[in-house]
Amino acid sequence: MAIEALEIRMARLEGGYEQINERLGGIEQRLASFEHRFTSEIASLRSEMATRGDVASLRLEMATREDMASLRADIASREEMASLRSETASLRSEMATRGDVAGLRAEMRAGDSELRKQISGQFYWLLTFILGSILVPILRDLAR
């Protein structure tokens, strides 16, 4: 009779492990899908920025002008450079808060939060299952 009870408990443990494996596999697939979407979005943004002709031509023009080097040296030596740097920093922060970038960040955070909740739930479910399978027989033996 004790062997049958042990076999039943082992079968339950195996079933539990199988369910956990399936759930973790689902989470892994969702994470891979999210990673693929994120990578493709970044790649499309980079390609869009690289293919803009006006940006590329402006960069080429700026690099080839000889007076730009003297202008850079002149600007670097002026006190106005600090205010220009602060304006540049504010523009960068404004670009970081743009809707499409902020939306992508929010989507990543929401996906990350959901995955953390699921993994935490799976962990506690597994912990309860394992502790229950260990403690219930011990408590039964103590009750006798």
N, C-alpha and C. Protein backbone atom coordinates (compact mmCIF):
# COMPACT_ATOMS: atom_id res chain seq x y z
N MET A 1 0.82 -1.19 0.00
CA MET A 1 0.00 0.00 0.00
C MET A 1 0.87 1.25 0.00
N ALA A 2 1.99 1.22 0.72
CA ALA A 2 2.88 2.37 0.76
C ALA A 2 3.53 2.60 -0.60
N ILE A 3 3.81 1.52 -1.33
CA ILE A 3 4.41 1.64 -2.66
C ILE A 3 3.42 2.28 -3.62
N GLU A 4 2.13 1.90 -3.53
CA GLU A 4 1.11 2.50 -4.40
C GLU A 4 0.98 3.99 -4.11
N ALA A 5 0.99 4.38 -2.85
CA ALA A 5 0.89 5.80 -2.49
C ALA A 5 2.10 6.56 -3.02
N LEU A 6 3.27 5.94 -2.93
CA LEU A 6 4.47 6.57 -3.45
C LEU A 6 4.40 6.73 -4.96
N GLU A 7 3.88 5.71 -5.65
CA GLU A 7 3.73 5.78 -7.11
C GLU A 7 2.74 6.87 -7.49
N ILE A 8 1.67 7.00 -6.73
CA ILE A 8 0.69 8.05 -7.01
C ILE A 8 1.33 9.43 -6.83
N ARG A 9 2.06 9.59 -5.75
CA ARG A 9 2.73 10.87 -5.52
C ARG A 9 3.76 11.17 -6.61
N MET A 10 4.49 10.15 -7.03
CA MET A 10 5.48 10.35 -8.09
C MET A 10 4.78 10.73 -9.40
N ALA A 11 3.64 10.09 -9.68
CA ALA A 11 2.89 10.42 -10.89
C ALA A 11 2.39 11.86 -10.83
N ARG A 12 1.96 12.29 -9.66
CA ARG A 12 1.50 13.68 -9.51
C ARG A 12 2.66 14.65 -9.71
N LEU A 13 3.80 14.30 -9.13
CA LEU A 13 4.98 15.16 -9.31
C LEU A 13 5.37 15.25 -10.79
N GLU A 14 5.37 14.11 -11.48
CA GLU A 14 5.70 14.11 -12.89
C GLU A 14 4.71 14.95 -13.69
N GLY A 15 3.43 14.82 -13.36
CA GLY A 15 2.42 15.64 -14.03
C GLY A 15 2.62 17.11 -13.75
N GLY A 16 2.94 17.44 -12.51
CA GLY A 16 3.21 18.83 -12.16
C GLY A 16 4.41 19.38 -12.91
N TYR A 17 5.47 18.59 -12.97
CA TYR A 17 6.66 19.03 -13.69
C TYR A 17 6.35 19.22 -15.18
N GLU A 18 5.54 18.36 -15.73
CA GLU A 18 5.16 18.47 -17.14
C GLU A 18 4.37 19.76 -17.38
N GLN A 19 3.44 20.07 -16.47
CA GLN A 19 2.67 21.32 -16.61
C GLN A 19 3.58 22.53 -16.50
N ILE A 20 4.51 22.48 -15.56
CA ILE A 20 5.44 23.60 -15.39
C ILE A 20 6.29 23.76 -16.64
N ASN A 21 6.75 22.65 -17.19
CA ASN A 21 7.55 22.69 -18.40
C ASN A 21 6.77 23.31 -19.55
N GLU A 22 5.50 22.94 -19.70
CA GLU A 22 4.67 23.50 -20.76
C GLU A 22 4.46 25.00 -20.55
N ARG A 23 4.19 25.40 -19.33
CA ARG A 23 3.96 26.82 -19.06
C ARG A 23 5.23 27.64 -19.29
N LEU A 24 6.36 27.11 -18.83
CA LEU A 24 7.62 27.82 -19.06
C LEU A 24 7.97 27.87 -20.55
N GLY A 25 7.63 26.83 -21.27
CA GLY A 25 7.83 26.84 -22.72
C GLY A 25 7.00 27.92 -23.39
N GLY A 26 5.76 28.08 -22.93
CA GLY A 26 4.91 29.15 -23.46
C GLY A 26 5.48 30.52 -23.17
N ILE A 27 5.98 30.70 -21.96
CA ILE A 27 6.60 31.98 -21.60
C ILE A 27 7.83 32.22 -22.46
N GLU A 28 8.61 31.19 -22.67
CA GLU A 28 9.81 31.33 -23.48
C GLU A 28 9.46 31.71 -24.92
N GLN A 29 8.40 31.11 -25.47
CA GLN A 29 7.97 31.45 -26.82
C GLN A 29 7.51 32.90 -26.90
N ARG A 30 6.76 33.35 -25.89
CA ARG A 30 6.29 34.73 -25.88
C ARG A 30 7.47 35.70 -25.78
N LEU A 31 8.45 35.35 -24.97
CA LEU A 31 9.63 36.20 -24.82
C LEU A 31 10.42 36.26 -26.13
N ALA A 32 10.55 35.13 -26.81
CA ALA A 32 11.26 35.11 -28.10
C ALA A 32 10.51 35.95 -29.13
N SER A 33 9.19 35.86 -29.13
CA SER A 33 8.37 36.66 -30.05
C SER A 33 8.55 38.14 -29.76
N PHE A 34 8.54 38.50 -28.48
CA PHE A 34 8.72 39.90 -28.10
C PHE A 34 10.10 40.39 -28.51
N GLU A 35 11.11 39.56 -28.30
CA GLU A 35 12.47 39.93 -28.66
C GLU A 35 12.59 40.13 -30.17
N HIS A 36 11.94 39.26 -30.94
CA HIS A 36 11.97 39.38 -32.39
C HIS A 36 11.30 40.68 -32.84
N ARG A 37 10.14 40.99 -32.24
CA ARG A 37 9.44 42.24 -32.60
C ARG A 37 10.29 43.45 -32.24
N PHE A 38 10.91 43.43 -31.08
CA PHE A 38 11.74 44.54 -30.64
C PHE A 38 12.93 44.72 -31.57
N THR A 39 13.59 43.63 -31.91
CA THR A 39 14.75 43.69 -32.80
C THR A 39 14.36 44.22 -34.18
N SER A 40 13.23 43.76 -34.70
CA SER A 40 12.80 44.23 -36.02
C SER A 40 12.42 45.70 -36.00
N GLU A 41 11.82 46.17 -34.91
CA GLU A 41 11.49 47.59 -34.79
C GLU A 41 12.75 48.44 -34.77
N ILE A 42 13.74 48.02 -34.00
CA ILE A 42 15.00 48.76 -33.93
C ILE A 42 15.68 48.76 -35.30
N ALA A 43 15.67 47.62 -35.97
CA ALA A 43 16.30 47.54 -37.29
C ALA A 43 15.59 48.45 -38.29
N SER A 44 14.27 48.48 -38.23
CA SER A 44 13.54 49.35 -39.16
C SER A 44 13.81 50.82 -38.87
N LEU A 45 13.91 51.19 -37.60
CA LEU A 45 14.25 52.57 -37.26
C LEU A 45 15.64 52.94 -37.75
N ARG A 46 16.59 52.02 -37.56
CA ARG A 46 17.95 52.29 -38.03
C ARG A 46 18.01 52.41 -39.55
N SER A 47 17.31 51.53 -40.25
CA SER A 47 17.33 51.59 -41.72
C SER A 47 16.65 52.85 -42.21
N GLU A 48 15.59 53.27 -41.54
CA GLU A 48 14.90 54.50 -41.93
C GLU A 48 15.82 55.70 -41.75
N MET A 49 16.55 55.72 -40.64
CA MET A 49 17.48 56.83 -40.42
C MET A 49 18.64 56.79 -41.42
N ALA A 50 19.08 55.61 -41.79
CA ALA A 50 20.22 55.48 -42.70
C ALA A 50 19.84 55.84 -44.13
N THR A 51 18.58 55.61 -44.51
CA THR A 51 18.16 55.84 -45.90
C THR A 51 17.67 57.25 -46.16
N ARG A 52 17.59 58.05 -45.13
CA ARG A 52 17.15 59.42 -45.37
C ARG A 52 18.25 60.17 -46.09
N GLY A 53 17.98 60.60 -47.28
CA GLY A 53 18.98 61.26 -48.12
C GLY A 53 19.42 62.60 -47.59
N ASP A 54 18.50 63.37 -47.02
CA ASP A 54 18.87 64.69 -46.54
C ASP A 54 19.85 64.63 -45.38
N VAL A 55 19.71 63.64 -44.51
CA VAL A 55 20.63 63.49 -43.39
C VAL A 55 22.01 63.09 -43.89
N ALA A 56 22.05 62.14 -44.81
CA ALA A 56 23.32 61.68 -45.34
C ALA A 56 24.04 62.80 -46.11
N SER A 57 23.30 63.55 -46.92
CA SER A 57 23.94 64.63 -47.68
C SER A 57 24.42 65.74 -46.76
N LEU A 58 23.66 66.03 -45.71
CA LEU A 58 24.08 67.05 -44.76
C LEU A 58 25.34 66.63 -44.02
N ARG A 59 25.41 65.36 -43.63
CA ARG A 59 26.62 64.86 -42.97
C ARG A 59 27.84 64.97 -43.89
N LEU A 60 27.65 64.61 -45.17
CA LEU A 60 28.74 64.67 -46.13
C LEU A 60 29.19 66.10 -46.33
N GLU A 61 28.23 67.01 -46.46
CA GLU A 61 28.58 68.42 -46.65
C GLU A 61 29.32 68.99 -45.45
N MET A 62 28.85 68.63 -44.26
CA MET A 62 29.49 69.13 -43.05
C MET A 62 30.91 68.59 -42.92
N ALA A 63 31.13 67.34 -43.31
CA ALA A 63 32.45 66.73 -43.19
C ALA A 63 33.45 67.31 -44.18
N THR A 64 32.98 67.75 -45.34
CA THR A 64 33.89 68.22 -46.38
C THR A 64 34.21 69.70 -46.31
N ARG A 65 33.48 70.44 -45.53
CA ARG A 65 33.73 71.89 -45.45
C ARG A 65 34.90 72.18 -44.52
N GLU A 66 35.86 72.92 -45.02
CA GLU A 66 37.04 73.24 -44.24
C GLU A 66 36.76 74.28 -43.16
N ASP A 67 35.82 75.16 -43.42
CA ASP A 67 35.52 76.20 -42.43
C ASP A 67 34.80 75.63 -41.22
N MET A 68 34.29 74.42 -41.33
CA MET A 68 33.61 73.80 -40.19
C MET A 68 34.59 73.50 -39.06
N ALA A 69 35.81 73.11 -39.39
CA ALA A 69 36.81 72.83 -38.36
C ALA A 69 37.13 74.09 -37.56
N SER A 70 37.29 75.22 -38.26
CA SER A 70 37.58 76.47 -37.54
C SER A 70 36.37 76.92 -36.74
N LEU A 71 35.18 76.68 -37.26
CA LEU A 71 33.95 77.03 -36.54
C LEU A 71 33.81 76.18 -35.28
N ARG A 72 34.12 74.90 -35.38
CA ARG A 72 34.07 74.03 -34.20
C ARG A 72 35.05 74.50 -33.13
N ALA A 73 36.25 74.88 -33.53
CA ALA A 73 37.25 75.36 -32.59
C ALA A 73 36.79 76.65 -31.93
N ASP A 74 36.18 77.53 -32.73
CA ASP A 74 35.69 78.80 -32.21
C ASP A 74 34.54 78.58 -31.21
N ILE A 75 33.63 77.68 -31.55
CA ILE A 75 32.49 77.41 -30.66
C ILE A 75 32.97 76.77 -29.36
N ALA A 76 33.93 75.86 -29.46
CA ALA A 76 34.43 75.18 -28.27
C ALA A 76 35.09 76.15 -27.30
N SER A 77 35.66 77.23 -27.82
CA SER A 77 36.36 78.17 -26.96
C SER A 77 35.41 79.20 -26.33
N ARG A 78 34.20 79.27 -26.76
CA ARG A 78 33.28 80.29 -26.24
C ARG A 78 32.52 79.80 -25.02
N GLU A 79 32.10 80.75 -24.23
CA GLU A 79 31.31 80.44 -23.04
C GLU A 79 29.90 80.00 -23.40
N GLU A 80 29.44 80.33 -24.57
CA GLU A 80 28.10 79.95 -25.01
C GLU A 80 27.98 78.44 -25.19
N MET A 81 29.09 77.79 -25.25
CA MET A 81 29.08 76.34 -25.47
C MET A 81 28.32 75.62 -24.37
N ALA A 82 28.40 76.08 -23.14
CA ALA A 82 27.69 75.43 -22.04
C ALA A 82 26.19 75.50 -22.25
N SER A 83 25.70 76.65 -22.69
CA SER A 83 24.25 76.77 -22.93
C SER A 83 23.82 75.91 -24.11
N LEU A 84 24.69 75.86 -25.14
CA LEU A 84 24.37 75.00 -26.29
C LEU A 84 24.33 73.53 -25.88
N ARG A 85 25.25 73.15 -25.01
CA ARG A 85 25.26 71.76 -24.55
C ARG A 85 24.01 71.44 -23.75
N SER A 86 23.57 72.37 -22.91
CA SER A 86 22.36 72.11 -22.13
C SER A 86 21.13 72.04 -23.05
N GLU A 87 21.11 72.88 -24.08
CA GLU A 87 20.00 72.81 -25.05
C GLU A 87 20.03 71.48 -25.80
N THR A 88 21.22 71.03 -26.14
CA THR A 88 21.35 69.75 -26.83
C THR A 88 20.87 68.62 -25.93
N ALA A 89 21.23 68.69 -24.65
CA ALA A 89 20.78 67.66 -23.71
C ALA A 89 19.27 67.67 -23.57
N SER A 90 18.67 68.85 -23.54
CA SER A 90 17.21 68.91 -23.44
C SER A 90 16.55 68.37 -24.70
N LEU A 91 17.16 68.65 -25.87
CA LEU A 91 16.62 68.09 -27.11
C LEU A 91 16.72 66.57 -27.12
N ARG A 92 17.83 66.05 -26.62
CA ARG A 92 17.97 64.59 -26.55
C ARG A 92 16.93 63.97 -25.63
N SER A 93 16.70 64.62 -24.48
CA SER A 93 15.68 64.09 -23.57
C SER A 93 14.29 64.18 -24.19
N GLU A 94 14.06 65.23 -24.96
CA GLU A 94 12.77 65.36 -25.65
C GLU A 94 12.60 64.26 -26.69
N MET A 95 13.69 63.95 -27.40
CA MET A 95 13.63 62.85 -28.38
C MET A 95 13.37 61.52 -27.69
N ALA A 96 13.93 61.37 -26.49
CA ALA A 96 13.75 60.11 -25.76
C ALA A 96 12.31 59.95 -25.28
N THR A 97 11.60 61.05 -25.12
CA THR A 97 10.21 60.96 -24.64
C THR A 97 9.20 61.03 -25.76
N ARG A 98 9.64 60.98 -26.99
CA ARG A 98 8.69 60.99 -28.12
C ARG A 98 7.75 59.80 -28.02
N GLY A 99 6.59 59.95 -28.60
CA GLY A 99 5.54 58.95 -28.49
C GLY A 99 5.92 57.56 -28.94
N ASP A 100 6.56 57.44 -30.11
CA ASP A 100 6.88 56.10 -30.62
C ASP A 100 7.96 55.43 -29.76
N VAL A 101 8.94 56.21 -29.32
CA VAL A 101 9.98 55.62 -28.47
C VAL A 101 9.40 55.31 -27.09
N ALA A 102 8.62 56.25 -26.56
CA ALA A 102 8.01 56.02 -25.25
C ALA A 102 7.03 54.85 -25.30
N GLY A 103 6.29 54.73 -26.39
CA GLY A 103 5.36 53.61 -26.53
C GLY A 103 6.08 52.28 -26.57
N LEU A 104 7.20 52.25 -27.29
CA LEU A 104 7.98 51.02 -27.35
C LEU A 104 8.55 50.67 -25.98
N ARG A 105 9.03 51.69 -25.26
CA ARG A 105 9.53 51.44 -23.91
C ARG A 105 8.42 50.94 -23.00
N ALA A 106 7.24 51.56 -23.10
CA ALA A 106 6.12 51.13 -22.25
C ALA A 106 5.72 49.71 -22.58
N GLU A 107 5.72 49.35 -23.86
CA GLU A 107 5.37 47.98 -24.26
C GLU A 107 6.39 46.99 -23.71
N MET A 108 7.67 47.37 -23.75
CA MET A 108 8.70 46.49 -23.21
C MET A 108 8.54 46.32 -21.71
N ARG A 109 8.27 47.42 -21.01
CA ARG A 109 8.09 47.33 -19.56
C ARG A 109 6.87 46.51 -19.20
N ALA A 110 5.77 46.68 -19.96
CA ALA A 110 4.56 45.90 -19.68
C ALA A 110 4.81 44.42 -19.92
N GLY A 111 5.50 44.10 -21.02
CA GLY A 111 5.83 42.70 -21.29
C GLY A 111 6.73 42.11 -20.24
N ASP A 112 7.71 42.90 -19.81
CA ASP A 112 8.63 42.46 -18.77
C ASP A 112 7.88 42.24 -17.46
N SER A 113 6.99 43.17 -17.13
CA SER A 113 6.21 43.05 -15.89
C SER A 113 5.33 41.80 -15.93
N GLU A 114 4.69 41.57 -17.07
CA GLU A 114 3.82 40.39 -17.20
C GLU A 114 4.63 39.10 -17.07
N LEU A 115 5.80 39.05 -17.70
CA LEU A 115 6.65 37.87 -17.60
C LEU A 115 7.11 37.64 -16.17
N ARG A 116 7.47 38.71 -15.47
CA ARG A 116 7.89 38.58 -14.08
C ARG A 116 6.76 38.02 -13.22
N LYS A 117 5.54 38.51 -13.45
CA LYS A 117 4.39 38.01 -12.69
C LYS A 117 4.16 36.53 -12.96
N GLN A 118 4.23 36.14 -14.22
CA GLN A 118 4.01 34.74 -14.57
C GLN A 118 5.09 33.84 -13.98
N ILE A 119 6.33 34.27 -14.08
CA ILE A 119 7.42 33.45 -13.54
C ILE A 119 7.30 33.35 -12.03
N SER A 120 6.95 34.46 -11.38
CA SER A 120 6.76 34.44 -9.94
C SER A 120 5.62 33.49 -9.56
N GLY A 121 4.51 33.56 -10.29
CA GLY A 121 3.39 32.66 -10.03
C GLY A 121 3.77 31.21 -10.22
N GLN A 122 4.52 30.92 -11.28
CA GLN A 122 4.97 29.55 -11.53
C GLN A 122 5.88 29.06 -10.42
N PHE A 123 6.76 29.94 -9.96
CA PHE A 123 7.68 29.56 -8.89
C PHE A 123 6.91 29.20 -7.63
N TYR A 124 5.98 30.06 -7.22
CA TYR A 124 5.23 29.80 -6.00
C TYR A 124 4.32 28.59 -6.14
N TRP A 125 3.78 28.38 -7.35
CA TRP A 125 2.95 27.20 -7.59
C TRP A 125 3.81 25.94 -7.43
N LEU A 126 5.00 25.94 -8.03
CA LEU A 126 5.91 24.80 -7.93
C LEU A 126 6.36 24.58 -6.49
N LEU A 127 6.68 25.66 -5.80
CA LEU A 127 7.11 25.56 -4.42
C LEU A 127 6.00 24.96 -3.55
N THR A 128 4.78 25.42 -3.73
CA THR A 128 3.65 24.89 -2.98
C THR A 128 3.44 23.42 -3.29
N PHE A 129 3.55 23.07 -4.55
CA PHE A 129 3.35 21.70 -4.98
C PHE A 129 4.40 20.78 -4.35
N ILE A 130 5.65 21.20 -4.40
CA ILE A 130 6.73 20.37 -3.87
C ILE A 130 6.63 20.27 -2.35
N LEU A 131 6.44 21.41 -1.68
CA LEU A 131 6.34 21.38 -0.23
C LEU A 131 5.11 20.58 0.22
N GLY A 132 4.02 20.71 -0.52
CA GLY A 132 2.82 19.94 -0.19
C GLY A 132 3.06 18.45 -0.32
N SER A 133 3.75 18.06 -1.39
CA SER A 133 4.00 16.63 -1.59
C SER A 133 4.95 16.07 -0.54
N ILE A 134 5.76 16.92 0.06
CA ILE A 134 6.68 16.47 1.10
C ILE A 134 6.01 16.52 2.47
N LEU A 135 5.33 17.61 2.75
CA LEU A 135 4.79 17.82 4.09
C LEU A 135 3.52 17.02 4.39
N VAL A 136 2.67 16.82 3.39
CA VAL A 136 1.42 16.10 3.64
C VAL A 136 1.68 14.68 4.16
N PRO A 137 2.55 13.89 3.56
CA PRO A 137 2.81 12.56 4.12
C PRO A 137 3.43 12.61 5.53
N ILE A 138 4.30 13.60 5.75
CA ILE A 138 4.89 13.71 7.08
C ILE A 138 3.82 14.03 8.12
N LEU A 139 2.94 14.96 7.78
CA LEU A 139 1.87 15.33 8.71
C LEU A 139 0.90 14.16 8.94
N ARG A 140 0.66 13.40 7.90
CA ARG A 140 -0.21 12.21 8.05
C ARG A 140 0.41 11.22 9.04
N ASP A 141 1.73 11.00 8.88
CA ASP A 141 2.43 10.06 9.75
C ASP A 141 2.42 10.57 11.20
N LEU A 142 2.55 11.87 11.38
CA LEU A 142 2.54 12.44 12.71
C LEU A 142 1.17 12.37 13.35
N ALA A 143 0.12 12.47 12.53
CA ALA A 143 -1.23 12.44 13.03
C ALA A 143 -1.62 11.04 13.53
N ARG A 144 -0.96 10.03 13.05
CA ARG A 144 -1.30 8.64 13.44
C ARG A 144 -0.83 8.31 14.79
